[in-house]
């Protein structure tokens, strides 16, 4: 079985509503050169009422979506989905906390013999 087939978490695919919300409400704009801009929703912006009303439960998921927009052509160049990166960031913390949950074998009770 492959590594991807046995993952316990499932991520919803990027929908057209998420892409539209990032285009409409993006508050992070990063110039990539060549007339292209990376657009993202910050977690603070995704927590606002207008984004939640539009996306519902997908509002948090929309923060993983990045759009590369071509300013010269006024068109979408690429959709970037960073959901897998978010899961690996959380997995690193899970591994760190698992160090403290080490199972120590209990001492065997002593028997009294007469």
C-alpha atoms as a PDB file:
ATOM      1  CA  UNK A   1       0.000   0.000   0.000  1.00  0.00           C
ATOM      2  CA  UNK A   2       1.305   3.447  -0.785  1.00  0.00           C
ATOM      3  CA  UNK A   3       2.062   6.098   1.776  1.00  0.00           C
ATOM      4  CA  UNK A   4      -0.712   8.345   0.446  1.00  0.00           C
ATOM      5  CA  UNK A   5      -3.401   5.684   0.568  1.00  0.00           C
ATOM      6  CA  UNK A   6      -3.202   5.127   4.320  1.00  0.00           C
ATOM      7  CA  UNK A   7      -3.252   8.702   5.606  1.00  0.00           C
ATOM      8  CA  UNK A   8      -5.807   9.258   8.319  1.00  0.00           C
ATOM      9  CA  UNK A   9      -6.693  12.857   7.391  1.00  0.00           C
ATOM     10  CA  UNK A  10      -8.701  13.962   4.389  1.00  0.00           C
ATOM     11  CA  UNK A  11      -8.537  17.407   2.854  1.00  0.00           C
ATOM     12  CA  UNK A  12     -11.392  18.831   0.841  1.00  0.00           C
ATOM     13  CA  UNK A  13     -10.382  19.779  -2.699  1.00  0.00           C
ATOM     14  CA  UNK A  14     -10.149  23.419  -3.716  1.00  0.00           C
ATOM     15  CA  UNK A  15     -13.518  24.630  -4.968  1.00  0.00           C
ATOM     16  CA  UNK A  16     -14.503  27.464  -7.274  1.00  0.00           C
ATOM     17  CA  UNK A  17     -16.008  29.292  -4.278  1.00  0.00           C
ATOM     18  CA  UNK A  18     -12.640  29.221  -2.484  1.00  0.00           C
ATOM     19  CA  UNK A  19     -10.874  30.605  -5.538  1.00  0.00           C
ATOM     20  CA  UNK A  20     -13.480  33.355  -5.899  1.00  0.00           C
ATOM     21  CA  UNK A  21     -13.195  34.232  -2.212  1.00  0.00           C
ATOM     22  CA  UNK A  22      -9.407  34.518  -2.415  1.00  0.00           C
ATOM     23  CA  UNK A  23      -9.723  36.736  -5.512  1.00  0.00           C
ATOM     24  CA  UNK A  24     -12.309  38.955  -3.827  1.00  0.00           C
ATOM     25  CA  UNK A  25     -11.009  39.147  -0.250  1.00  0.00           C
ATOM     26  CA  UNK A  26      -7.246  38.540  -0.464  1.00  0.00           C
ATOM     27  CA  UNK A  27      -5.335  40.717   1.968  1.00  0.00           C
ATOM     28  CA  UNK A  28      -1.867  39.285   1.363  1.00  0.00           C
ATOM     29  CA  UNK A  29      -0.342  40.367  -1.940  1.00  0.00           C
ATOM     30  CA  UNK A  30       3.228  39.383  -2.768  1.00  0.00           C
ATOM     31  CA  UNK A  31       4.889  40.682  -5.947  1.00  0.00           C
ATOM     32  CA  UNK A  32       6.527  37.784  -7.793  1.00  0.00           C
ATOM     33  CA  UNK A  33       7.977  39.823 -10.642  1.00  0.00           C
ATOM     34  CA  UNK A  34       7.088  39.694 -14.308  1.00  0.00           C
ATOM     35  CA  UNK A  35       3.708  41.269 -13.639  1.00  0.00           C
ATOM     36  CA  UNK A  36       2.574  38.424 -11.381  1.00  0.00           C
ATOM     37  CA  UNK A  37       1.200  38.645  -7.866  1.00  0.00           C
ATOM     38  CA  UNK A  38       0.640  35.914  -5.278  1.00  0.00           C
ATOM     39  CA  UNK A  39      -2.675  36.472  -3.502  1.00  0.00           C
ATOM     40  CA  UNK A  40      -3.686  34.811  -0.205  1.00  0.00           C
ATOM     41  CA  UNK A  41      -6.220  35.105   2.594  1.00  0.00           C
ATOM     42  CA  UNK A  42      -4.787  35.611   6.055  1.00  0.00           C
ATOM     43  CA  UNK A  43      -6.332  33.632   8.941  1.00  0.00           C
ATOM     44  CA  UNK A  44      -7.560  36.927  10.435  1.00  0.00           C
ATOM     45  CA  UNK A  45      -9.351  37.845   7.201  1.00  0.00           C
ATOM     46  CA  UNK A  46     -10.839  34.360   6.837  1.00  0.00           C
ATOM     47  CA  UNK A  47     -12.365  34.726  10.318  1.00  0.00           C
ATOM     48  CA  UNK A  48     -14.412  37.767   9.248  1.00  0.00           C
ATOM     49  CA  UNK A  49     -18.167  37.364   8.866  1.00  0.00           C
ATOM     50  CA  UNK A  50     -18.352  38.059   5.119  1.00  0.00           C
ATOM     51  CA  UNK A  51     -15.883  35.274   4.270  1.00  0.00           C
ATOM     52  CA  UNK A  52     -17.562  32.837   6.667  1.00  0.00           C
ATOM     53  CA  UNK A  53     -20.989  33.613   5.177  1.00  0.00           C
ATOM     54  CA  UNK A  54     -19.631  32.944   1.693  1.00  0.00           C
ATOM     55  CA  UNK A  55     -17.618  29.793   2.430  1.00  0.00           C
ATOM     56  CA  UNK A  56     -19.026  28.367   5.652  1.00  0.00           C
ATOM     57  CA  UNK A  57     -16.804  25.544   6.909  1.00  0.00           C
ATOM     58  CA  UNK A  58     -14.352  26.048   4.050  1.00  0.00           C
ATOM     59  CA  UNK A  59     -13.267  29.478   5.330  1.00  0.00           C
ATOM     60  CA  UNK A  60     -10.295  28.045   7.231  1.00  0.00           C
ATOM     61  CA  UNK A  61      -9.424  25.804   4.298  1.00  0.00           C
ATOM     62  CA  UNK A  62      -9.287  28.853   2.008  1.00  0.00           C
ATOM     63  CA  UNK A  63      -6.226  30.111   3.908  1.00  0.00           C
ATOM     64  CA  UNK A  64      -4.264  27.232   2.330  1.00  0.00           C
ATOM     65  CA  UNK A  65      -5.046  28.449  -1.185  1.00  0.00           C
ATOM     66  CA  UNK A  66      -2.679  30.780  -3.011  1.00  0.00           C
ATOM     67  CA  UNK A  67      -3.403  32.308  -6.410  1.00  0.00           C
ATOM     68  CA  UNK A  68      -0.833  33.587  -8.864  1.00  0.00           C
ATOM     69  CA  UNK A  69      -2.491  36.435 -10.760  1.00  0.00           C
ATOM     70  CA  UNK A  70      -1.071  37.929 -13.951  1.00  0.00           C
ATOM     71  CA  UNK A  71      -1.626  41.696 -13.725  1.00  0.00           C
ATOM     72  CA  UNK A  72      -0.788  42.319 -17.380  1.00  0.00           C
ATOM     73  CA  UNK A  73      -3.256  39.791 -18.779  1.00  0.00           C
ATOM     74  CA  UNK A  74      -5.794  40.024 -15.917  1.00  0.00           C
ATOM     75  CA  UNK A  75      -6.011  36.278 -15.595  1.00  0.00           C
ATOM     76  CA  UNK A  76      -5.334  33.521 -13.125  1.00  0.00           C
ATOM     77  CA  UNK A  77      -2.044  31.752 -13.811  1.00  0.00           C
ATOM     78  CA  UNK A  78      -1.854  29.108 -11.080  1.00  0.00           C
ATOM     79  CA  UNK A  79      -3.733  27.797  -8.056  1.00  0.00           C
ATOM     80  CA  UNK A  80      -1.434  26.689  -5.222  1.00  0.00           C
ATOM     81  CA  UNK A  81      -2.802  24.380  -2.538  1.00  0.00           C
ATOM     82  CA  UNK A  82      -0.680  24.277   0.631  1.00  0.00           C
ATOM     83  CA  UNK A  83      -2.942  21.982   2.681  1.00  0.00           C
ATOM     84  CA  UNK A  84      -0.332  19.214   2.745  1.00  0.00           C
ATOM     85  CA  UNK A  85       2.229  21.670   4.115  1.00  0.00           C
ATOM     86  CA  UNK A  86      -0.115  22.656   6.928  1.00  0.00           C
ATOM     87  CA  UNK A  87      -0.563  19.005   7.887  1.00  0.00           C
ATOM     88  CA  UNK A  88       3.208  18.415   7.957  1.00  0.00           C
ATOM     89  CA  UNK A  89       3.697  21.483  10.148  1.00  0.00           C
ATOM     90  CA  UNK A  90       1.155  20.114  12.602  1.00  0.00           C
ATOM     91  CA  UNK A  91       2.716  16.645  12.430  1.00  0.00           C
ATOM     92  CA  UNK A  92       6.063  18.053  13.610  1.00  0.00           C
ATOM     93  CA  UNK A  93       4.368  19.437  16.725  1.00  0.00           C
ATOM     94  CA  UNK A  94       2.549  16.155  17.307  1.00  0.00           C
ATOM     95  CA  UNK A  95       5.859  14.286  17.255  1.00  0.00           C
ATOM     96  CA  UNK A  96       7.352  16.765  19.725  1.00  0.00           C
ATOM     97  CA  UNK A  97       4.465  16.299  22.154  1.00  0.00           C
ATOM     98  CA  UNK A  98       4.617  12.517  21.788  1.00  0.00           C
ATOM     99  CA  UNK A  99       8.037  12.563  23.441  1.00  0.00           C
ATOM    100  CA  UNK A 100       6.366  13.433  26.736  1.00  0.00           C
ATOM    101  CA  UNK A 101       3.862  10.594  26.492  1.00  0.00           C
ATOM    102  CA  UNK A 102       6.465   7.858  26.784  1.00  0.00           C
ATOM    103  CA  UNK A 103       4.985   4.725  28.267  1.00  0.00           C
ATOM    104  CA  UNK A 104       7.047   3.701  31.236  1.00  0.00           C
ATOM    105  CA  UNK A 105       6.592   0.122  32.350  1.00  0.00           C
ATOM    106  CA  UNK A 106       5.065  -0.127  35.767  1.00  0.00           C
ATOM    107  CA  UNK A 107       7.152  -1.738  38.479  1.00  0.00           C
ATOM    108  CA  UNK A 108       6.123  -5.286  39.200  1.00  0.00           C
ATOM    109  CA  UNK A 109       4.562  -5.583  42.650  1.00  0.00           C
ATOM    110  CA  UNK A 110       6.720  -7.369  45.157  1.00  0.00           C
ATOM    111  CA  UNK A 111       5.441 -10.633  46.498  1.00  0.00           C
ATOM    112  CA  UNK A 112       5.589 -11.536  50.122  1.00  0.00           C
ATOM    113  CA  UNK A 113       6.514 -15.152  50.650  1.00  0.00           C
ATOM    114  CA  UNK A 114       6.194 -16.931  53.995  1.00  0.00           C
END
